Amino acid sequence: MSAGLVHDYLLVMRGAERTFAAMADCWPDAPVYTLLYDSEECGASFDGRDVHTSYLQHLRPGQRGFRRLLPLFPAAAERLPVQQHDLIISSSSAFAHGVTPAPGATHVCYCHSPFRYVWHEEQRALDEAPRVLRPFLPPLLRRLRNWDVRASTRVTHFIANSEITRERIERFWGRDSVVIHPPVDVRRFAIDEPEGYLLVVCELVRHKRVERALDAARRAGRRMKVVGSGPDRERLERLYGGYAEFLGRLSDDELTRVYSRADALVVPNVEEFGIAAVEAMAAGRPVVGLDAGGTRETVIDGETGVLVPPDDAGDALAEALAETDFQRFSPDRIRAHAMGFSTRSFMERLSAYVEELTGLESRMLPNEPTGSGGYAVGVTR
């Protein structure tokens, strides 16, 4: 059986891209298809792979500018040349599930989330768009939503990265799915002495609600470090630069140190999964997050962190940050919880599920890969 692997766009190496790299490690001979590819930003993750891009690649957009091509992505995804394969395994947050397989081919989609801006965060898309473009955005989002539903019918089997994603797949597309939690590289983290700061690690875009964490830390009288970059960084730094230190993007080694020396990680948004929470726990640090979405699936309230009610998130976060003694948590116990999640586990569960569906065996390396990261707790049907 010939397999092809598809991802939306490979422009940076964040959670979805690291998950896809772990997926690709399951089938090292399979070609990769993506709308856009930046080999420098992706480092060695896909070196030596046969990578095919869409016709939009010649425009050479980077991470900062690729969103301007939004209206063109559906047609570009449909034209990716995957028809030679009996099996398509896609990794989709927006468009990869919309490829056009050959008649009779099997398409297994690992869904990070249905496209948030055309479904559950349409208003946020409008708020973030330049004012001059806002009148044109609603009809575009309606067209994308209609395309998204049609594209979902070309998928044979869905895998969700969390329970909240599984619920959205059923609500928006009317499809069933299984849950396989995504990969986090828990092995590269270690316990260290905390240095009294709180931490946020994410892309600085408005839907991550970083402002909520910063405001809660300010009200609690706690200092905070923010790791990440994005279109909202300038605004946040202008508003909270006196209370928080903005570190930008860090190398893996730098991020490991920052995690291990934090008092706690703050997750202020309802995440589909939330890889940062598992990374922090792998470094022995507790997590303060909402009792919803991914943190509900990964954080044990009172043992590996603190979960607060999502309907009063701002006040509840501020209260938790002010009143929690983070030194009472056991770093060893927290890390032991995180160590139950590994790249190898994710790859074994994913490849076993695909083999169950199609008979295709993976060709994983005998030892756990070093470049992908990885985490999974199992398949939930």
Protein backbone atom coordinates (compact mmCIF):
# COMPACT_ATOMS: atom_id res chain seq x y z
CA MET A 1 0.00 0.00 0.00
CA SER A 2 1.32 3.44 -0.98
CA ALA A 3 0.93 6.12 1.72
CA GLY A 4 1.14 9.91 1.46
CA LEU A 5 1.35 12.34 4.41
CA VAL A 6 -0.28 15.79 4.37
CA HIS A 7 -0.02 18.81 6.69
CA ASP A 8 -1.54 22.30 6.32
CA TYR A 9 1.70 24.30 6.08
CA LEU A 10 5.21 23.73 7.41
CA LEU A 11 6.43 27.24 8.21
CA VAL A 12 7.42 26.90 11.90
CA MET A 13 7.83 23.99 14.32
CA ARG A 14 5.07 24.38 16.91
CA GLY A 15 2.75 21.79 18.41
CA ALA A 16 0.90 20.74 15.26
CA GLU A 17 4.11 20.58 13.25
CA ARG A 18 5.88 18.51 15.91
CA THR A 19 2.91 16.17 15.96
CA PHE A 20 3.14 15.82 12.19
CA ALA A 21 6.88 15.15 12.44
CA ALA A 22 6.13 12.28 14.84
CA MET A 23 3.49 11.02 12.42
CA ALA A 24 6.01 11.18 9.59
CA ASP A 25 8.46 9.14 11.67
CA CYS A 26 5.93 6.29 11.63
CA TRP A 27 6.21 6.04 7.85
CA PRO A 28 9.70 7.32 6.98
CA ASP A 29 9.45 6.45 3.29
CA ALA A 30 6.14 8.23 2.65
CA PRO A 31 6.26 11.52 0.72
CA VAL A 32 5.05 14.69 2.42
CA TYR A 33 2.53 17.13 0.92
CA THR A 34 1.92 20.63 2.27
CA LEU A 35 0.64 23.97 1.04
CA LEU A 36 3.78 25.90 2.04
CA TYR A 37 7.20 24.79 3.30
CA ASP A 38 10.05 26.73 4.92
CA SER A 39 12.93 24.28 5.27
CA GLU A 40 15.04 26.71 7.32
CA GLU A 41 12.36 27.35 9.94
CA CYS A 42 11.55 23.64 10.18
CA GLY A 43 15.19 22.73 10.73
CA ALA A 44 16.13 19.11 10.24
CA SER A 45 12.65 17.74 10.94
CA PHE A 46 11.95 16.87 7.32
CA ASP A 47 15.47 16.68 5.89
CA GLY A 48 15.76 13.87 3.39
CA ARG A 49 11.99 13.65 2.93
CA ASP A 50 10.30 13.95 -0.44
CA VAL A 51 8.33 17.18 0.22
CA HIS A 52 5.75 18.39 -2.31
CA THR A 53 4.26 21.89 -1.99
CA SER A 54 1.30 23.63 -3.62
CA TYR A 55 1.50 26.13 -6.47
CA LEU A 56 1.41 28.89 -3.82
CA GLN A 57 4.98 28.06 -2.80
CA HIS A 58 6.39 30.29 -5.53
CA LEU A 59 4.97 33.30 -3.65
CA ARG A 60 7.36 32.38 -0.80
CA PRO A 61 5.18 33.67 2.06
CA GLY A 62 6.53 33.25 5.58
CA GLN A 63 4.82 32.70 8.91
CA ARG A 64 4.05 36.41 9.22
CA GLY A 65 2.33 36.78 5.85
CA PHE A 66 0.78 33.48 4.86
CA ARG A 67 -2.68 34.41 6.21
CA ARG A 68 -3.11 36.85 3.31
CA LEU A 69 -3.46 33.79 1.05
CA LEU A 70 -6.44 32.46 3.01
CA PRO A 71 -8.95 32.57 0.11
CA LEU A 72 -6.57 30.52 -2.07
CA PHE A 73 -5.86 27.65 0.33
CA PRO A 74 -8.93 25.44 -0.33
CA ALA A 75 -8.29 25.16 -4.07
CA ALA A 76 -4.55 24.71 -3.46
CA ALA A 77 -5.24 21.85 -1.02
CA GLU A 78 -7.55 20.12 -3.48
CA ARG A 79 -4.85 20.27 -6.15
CA LEU A 80 -2.05 18.70 -4.10
CA PRO A 81 -0.98 15.63 -6.15
CA VAL A 82 -1.90 12.84 -3.72
CA GLN A 83 -3.91 10.70 -6.15
CA GLN A 84 -1.13 8.14 -6.61
CA HIS A 85 -1.58 6.88 -3.03
CA ASP A 86 -3.90 4.19 -1.67
CA LEU A 87 -3.72 5.78 1.79
CA ILE A 88 -3.65 9.45 2.80
CA ILE A 89 -2.76 10.35 6.39
CA SER A 90 -3.37 14.04 6.98
CA SER A 91 -2.70 16.37 9.90
CA SER A 92 -5.21 19.19 9.75
CA SER A 93 -6.09 22.37 11.61
CA ALA A 94 -7.70 23.97 8.59
CA PHE A 95 -7.05 22.70 5.06
CA ALA A 96 -5.07 19.44 4.89
CA HIS A 97 -8.21 17.31 5.24
CA GLY A 98 -9.43 18.89 1.99
CA VAL A 99 -7.04 17.06 -0.35
CA THR A 100 -8.62 15.02 -3.13
CA PRO A 101 -7.70 11.33 -2.79
CA ALA A 102 -8.03 8.89 -5.66
CA PRO A 103 -11.36 7.02 -5.87
CA GLY A 104 -11.31 4.14 -3.42
CA ALA A 105 -8.34 5.47 -1.42
CA THR A 106 -8.49 5.61 2.38
CA HIS A 107 -8.04 9.01 4.03
CA VAL A 108 -7.25 9.07 7.77
CA CYS A 109 -7.24 12.61 9.20
CA TYR A 110 -5.57 13.52 12.50
CA CYS A 111 -7.55 16.65 13.40
CA HIS A 112 -6.00 19.26 15.72
CA SER A 113 -9.22 21.30 15.45
CA PRO A 114 -11.80 22.12 12.82
CA PHE A 115 -10.80 25.49 11.37
CA ARG A 116 -11.44 27.72 14.37
CA TYR A 117 -12.00 30.97 12.46
CA VAL A 118 -14.92 29.64 10.41
CA TRP A 119 -16.58 27.80 13.30
CA HIS A 120 -16.17 28.56 17.00
CA GLU A 121 -14.03 31.71 16.73
CA GLU A 122 -15.57 33.59 13.80
CA GLN A 123 -15.99 36.77 15.84
CA ARG A 124 -12.33 36.67 16.81
CA ALA A 125 -11.38 36.47 13.13
CA LEU A 126 -13.42 39.61 12.51
CA ASP A 127 -11.87 41.41 15.49
CA GLU A 128 -8.33 40.57 14.39
CA ALA A 129 -8.78 41.53 10.73
CA PRO A 130 -7.69 45.00 9.54
CA ARG A 131 -10.66 47.35 9.74
CA VAL A 132 -10.74 47.96 6.00
CA LEU A 133 -11.14 44.21 5.32
CA ARG A 134 -13.84 43.44 7.89
CA PRO A 135 -16.86 44.02 5.59
CA PHE A 136 -15.46 41.42 3.16
CA LEU A 137 -14.66 38.77 5.75
CA PRO A 138 -18.13 37.35 6.63
CA PRO A 139 -18.92 36.16 3.07
CA LEU A 140 -15.41 34.69 2.79
CA LEU A 141 -15.84 32.80 6.07
CA ARG A 142 -19.22 31.49 4.91
CA ARG A 143 -17.63 30.17 1.71
CA LEU A 144 -14.81 28.59 3.70
CA ARG A 145 -17.31 26.98 6.08
CA ASN A 146 -19.25 25.46 3.19
CA TRP A 147 -16.01 24.19 1.64
CA ASP A 148 -14.92 22.81 5.00
CA VAL A 149 -18.06 20.68 5.32
CA ARG A 150 -17.64 19.34 1.79
CA ALA A 151 -13.95 18.61 2.44
CA SER A 152 -14.81 16.62 5.57
CA THR A 153 -16.76 14.14 3.44
CA ARG A 154 -13.54 13.19 1.65
CA VAL A 155 -12.12 11.83 4.93
CA THR A 156 -12.69 8.14 5.63
CA HIS A 157 -11.71 8.14 9.33
CA PHE A 158 -11.09 10.99 11.79
CA ILE A 159 -8.72 10.99 14.77
CA ALA A 160 -9.20 13.84 17.30
CA ASN A 161 -6.38 15.19 19.43
CA SER A 162 -8.66 15.61 22.47
CA GLU A 163 -12.21 15.20 23.71
CA ILE A 164 -13.15 18.80 22.92
CA THR A 165 -11.96 18.31 19.33
CA ARG A 166 -13.91 15.07 19.09
CA GLU A 167 -17.04 16.96 20.19
CA ARG A 168 -16.42 19.67 17.58
CA ILE A 169 -15.88 17.12 14.80
CA GLU A 170 -19.26 15.64 15.64
CA ARG A 171 -20.97 19.04 16.00
CA PHE A 172 -19.59 20.73 12.90
CA TRP A 173 -19.13 17.80 10.52
CA GLY A 174 -21.47 15.15 11.89
CA ARG A 175 -18.64 12.61 12.04
CA ASP A 176 -17.38 10.17 14.65
CA SER A 177 -13.72 10.05 15.67
CA VAL A 178 -11.32 8.39 18.09
CA VAL A 179 -8.99 10.32 20.41
CA ILE A 180 -5.20 9.94 20.37
CA HIS A 181 -3.53 12.69 22.38
CA PRO A 182 -0.70 14.48 20.54
CA PRO A 183 3.05 14.18 21.12
CA VAL A 184 5.18 16.10 23.60
CA ASP A 185 8.90 15.44 24.00
CA VAL A 186 8.81 14.78 27.74
CA ARG A 187 12.34 13.33 27.81
CA ARG A 188 14.17 16.60 27.30
CA PHE A 189 12.89 18.24 30.50
CA ALA A 190 14.39 18.02 33.97
CA ILE A 191 13.60 19.28 37.48
CA ASP A 192 15.38 22.40 38.77
CA GLU A 193 14.94 24.95 41.56
CA PRO A 194 12.08 27.46 40.94
CA GLU A 195 12.99 31.13 40.83
CA GLY A 196 9.70 32.75 41.74
CA TYR A 197 8.15 33.66 38.39
CA LEU A 198 5.04 32.47 36.58
CA LEU A 199 5.22 31.40 32.96
CA VAL A 200 3.11 31.55 29.80
CA VAL A 201 4.26 29.64 26.70
CA CYS A 202 2.24 30.06 23.50
CA GLU A 203 1.86 31.89 20.23
CA LEU A 204 0.94 35.50 20.98
CA VAL A 205 -2.38 35.72 19.19
CA ARG A 206 -5.58 37.00 20.76
CA HIS A 207 -7.38 33.67 20.96
CA LYS A 208 -4.70 32.40 23.37
CA ARG A 209 -6.00 34.94 25.94
CA VAL A 210 -2.51 35.83 27.18
CA GLU A 211 -3.86 39.16 28.41
CA ARG A 212 -6.05 37.24 30.86
CA ALA A 213 -2.97 35.57 32.38
CA LEU A 214 -1.00 38.81 32.50
CA ASP A 215 -3.84 40.67 34.19
CA ALA A 216 -4.31 37.86 36.72
CA ALA A 217 -0.60 37.85 37.55
CA ARG A 218 -0.59 41.64 37.95
CA ARG A 219 -3.60 41.48 40.29
CA ALA A 220 -1.94 38.68 42.27
CA GLY A 221 1.30 40.63 42.58
CA ARG A 222 3.27 37.91 40.79
CA ARG A 223 5.91 38.47 38.14
CA MET A 224 5.58 36.63 34.86
CA LYS A 225 7.67 35.60 31.88
CA VAL A 226 6.09 35.16 28.46
CA VAL A 227 7.63 32.86 25.87
CA GLY A 228 6.43 33.17 22.29
CA SER A 229 5.88 35.69 19.56
CA GLY A 230 3.11 36.65 17.19
CA PRO A 231 0.91 39.51 16.01
CA ASP A 232 -0.31 40.38 19.53
CA ARG A 233 3.13 40.74 21.11
CA GLU A 234 3.56 44.47 20.50
CA ARG A 235 0.20 45.30 22.07
CA LEU A 236 0.74 43.04 25.08
CA GLU A 237 4.23 44.33 25.70
CA ARG A 238 2.96 47.91 25.54
CA LEU A 239 0.25 47.16 28.11
CA TYR A 240 2.13 44.81 30.44
CA GLY A 241 5.82 45.45 29.84
CA GLY A 242 6.15 46.87 33.35
CA TYR A 243 4.80 43.67 34.92
CA ALA A 244 6.09 40.93 32.65
CA GLU A 245 9.23 39.96 30.75
CA PHE A 246 8.65 39.04 27.09
CA LEU A 247 11.30 36.54 25.97
CA GLY A 248 10.20 35.91 22.38
CA ARG A 249 10.88 32.53 20.82
CA LEU A 250 13.46 30.40 22.62
CA SER A 251 15.58 27.45 21.60
CA ASP A 252 14.64 24.05 23.00
CA ASP A 253 17.47 24.23 25.55
CA GLU A 254 16.49 27.74 26.67
CA LEU A 255 12.85 26.77 26.97
CA THR A 256 13.75 23.72 29.05
CA ARG A 257 15.54 25.95 31.57
CA VAL A 258 12.70 28.49 31.71
CA TYR A 259 10.12 25.77 32.38
CA SER A 260 12.11 24.09 35.14
CA ARG A 261 12.72 27.35 37.06
CA ALA A 262 9.15 28.66 36.96
CA ASP A 263 6.83 28.43 39.97
CA ALA A 264 4.01 27.38 37.66
CA LEU A 265 2.78 27.52 34.07
CA VAL A 266 -0.43 29.47 33.43
CA VAL A 267 -2.79 28.27 30.66
CA PRO A 268 -5.42 31.04 30.32
CA ASN A 269 -7.29 29.67 27.30
CA VAL A 270 -9.47 26.64 26.59
CA GLU A 271 -6.98 24.59 24.59
CA GLU A 272 -7.84 21.70 22.30
CA PHE A 273 -5.00 19.88 24.04
CA GLY A 274 -2.26 22.18 25.33
CA ILE A 275 1.20 20.72 24.83
CA ALA A 276 2.81 23.40 27.02
CA ALA A 277 1.00 22.03 30.08
CA VAL A 278 2.57 18.59 29.62
CA GLU A 279 6.00 20.13 28.95
CA ALA A 280 5.79 22.09 32.21
CA MET A 281 4.79 18.97 34.14
CA ALA A 282 7.69 17.06 32.58
CA ALA A 283 9.90 19.72 34.18
CA GLY A 284 8.20 19.06 37.53
CA ARG A 285 6.23 22.30 37.55
CA PRO A 286 2.49 22.60 38.35
CA VAL A 287 -0.02 24.05 35.91
CA VAL A 288 -2.75 26.61 36.57
CA GLY A 289 -5.42 26.36 33.90
CA LEU A 290 -9.12 26.27 33.12
CA ASP A 291 -11.18 23.24 34.06
CA ALA A 292 -12.08 22.72 30.41
CA GLY A 293 -10.60 21.43 27.20
CA GLY A 294 -7.18 19.84 27.18
CA THR A 295 -6.04 20.82 30.68
CA ARG A 296 -8.96 18.85 32.08
CA GLU A 297 -7.50 15.78 30.32
CA THR A 298 -3.86 16.30 31.35
CA VAL A 299 -3.78 18.12 34.72
CA ILE A 300 -4.79 16.39 37.95
CA ASP A 301 -6.36 19.12 40.09
CA GLY A 302 -4.58 19.43 43.42
CA GLU A 303 -1.82 16.99 42.46
CA THR A 304 -0.17 18.29 39.29
CA GLY A 305 -1.78 21.73 39.23
CA VAL A 306 -4.84 23.86 39.89
CA LEU A 307 -7.93 23.95 37.66
CA VAL A 308 -10.26 26.96 37.89
CA PRO A 309 -13.86 27.46 36.66
CA PRO A 310 -13.87 28.67 33.04
CA ASP A 311 -16.98 30.84 33.47
CA ASP A 312 -15.14 33.22 35.82
CA ALA A 313 -11.65 32.66 34.46
CA GLY A 314 -10.10 36.09 35.06
CA ASP A 315 -11.01 36.39 38.75
CA ALA A 316 -10.48 32.67 39.38
CA LEU A 317 -6.99 32.74 37.85
CA ALA A 318 -6.03 35.82 39.87
CA GLU A 319 -7.25 34.18 43.07
CA ALA A 320 -5.42 30.93 42.33
CA LEU A 321 -2.17 32.74 41.52
CA ALA A 322 -2.39 34.82 44.69
CA GLU A 323 -3.33 32.07 47.13
CA THR A 324 -1.65 28.88 45.88
CA ASP A 325 1.54 27.72 47.54
CA PHE A 326 3.24 26.22 44.50
CA GLN A 327 6.04 24.80 46.61
CA ARG A 328 3.62 22.30 48.17
CA PHE A 329 3.46 20.34 44.91
CA SER A 330 5.85 17.44 44.49
CA PRO A 331 8.04 17.96 41.38
CA ASP A 332 8.81 14.23 41.29
CA ARG A 333 5.15 13.28 41.37
CA ILE A 334 4.30 15.85 38.68
CA ARG A 335 7.12 14.64 36.46
CA ALA A 336 6.11 11.01 36.96
CA HIS A 337 2.64 11.88 35.70
CA ALA A 338 4.08 13.55 32.60
CA MET A 339 6.43 10.64 31.93
CA GLY A 340 3.42 8.47 31.18
CA PHE A 341 3.28 10.35 27.88
CA SER A 342 5.92 9.66 25.24
CA THR A 343 6.63 9.99 21.55
CA ARG A 344 6.89 6.24 21.30
CA SER A 345 3.46 5.78 22.84
CA PHE A 346 1.90 8.25 20.39
CA MET A 347 3.57 6.61 17.41
CA GLU A 348 2.64 3.09 18.50
CA ARG A 349 -1.00 3.98 19.06
CA LEU A 350 -1.31 5.94 15.84
CA SER A 351 0.37 3.30 13.70
CA ALA A 352 -1.62 0.50 15.37
CA TYR A 353 -4.87 2.31 14.62
CA VAL A 354 -3.92 2.91 10.98
CA GLU A 355 -2.85 -0.73 10.64
CA GLU A 356 -6.16 -1.84 12.14
CA LEU A 357 -8.01 0.22 9.53
CA THR A 358 -5.88 -0.49 6.46
CA GLY A 359 -3.40 -3.30 7.12
CA LEU A 360 -0.48 -0.90 6.52
CA GLU A 361 2.35 -1.55 8.96
CA SER A 362 4.53 1.33 10.08
CA ARG A 363 8.30 1.29 9.70
CA MET A 364 9.20 3.04 12.94
CA LEU A 365 12.80 3.10 14.01
CA PRO A 366 13.50 0.68 16.89
CA ASN A 367 14.48 3.51 19.25
CA GLU A 368 12.44 6.55 20.20
CA PRO A 369 13.06 9.40 17.72
CA THR A 370 14.89 12.45 18.99
CA GLY A 371 13.58 15.19 16.73
CA SER A 372 9.82 14.98 16.85
CA GLY A 373 8.61 15.27 20.39
CA GLY A 374 5.72 13.13 21.45
CA TYR A 375 2.94 12.39 23.86
CA ALA A 376 -0.13 10.19 23.93
CA VAL A 377 -2.23 8.58 26.62
CA GLY A 378 -4.24 6.27 24.42
CA VAL A 379 -6.98 5.77 21.90
CA THR A 380 -10.47 6.68 23.14
CA ARG A 381 -13.30 5.43 20.99
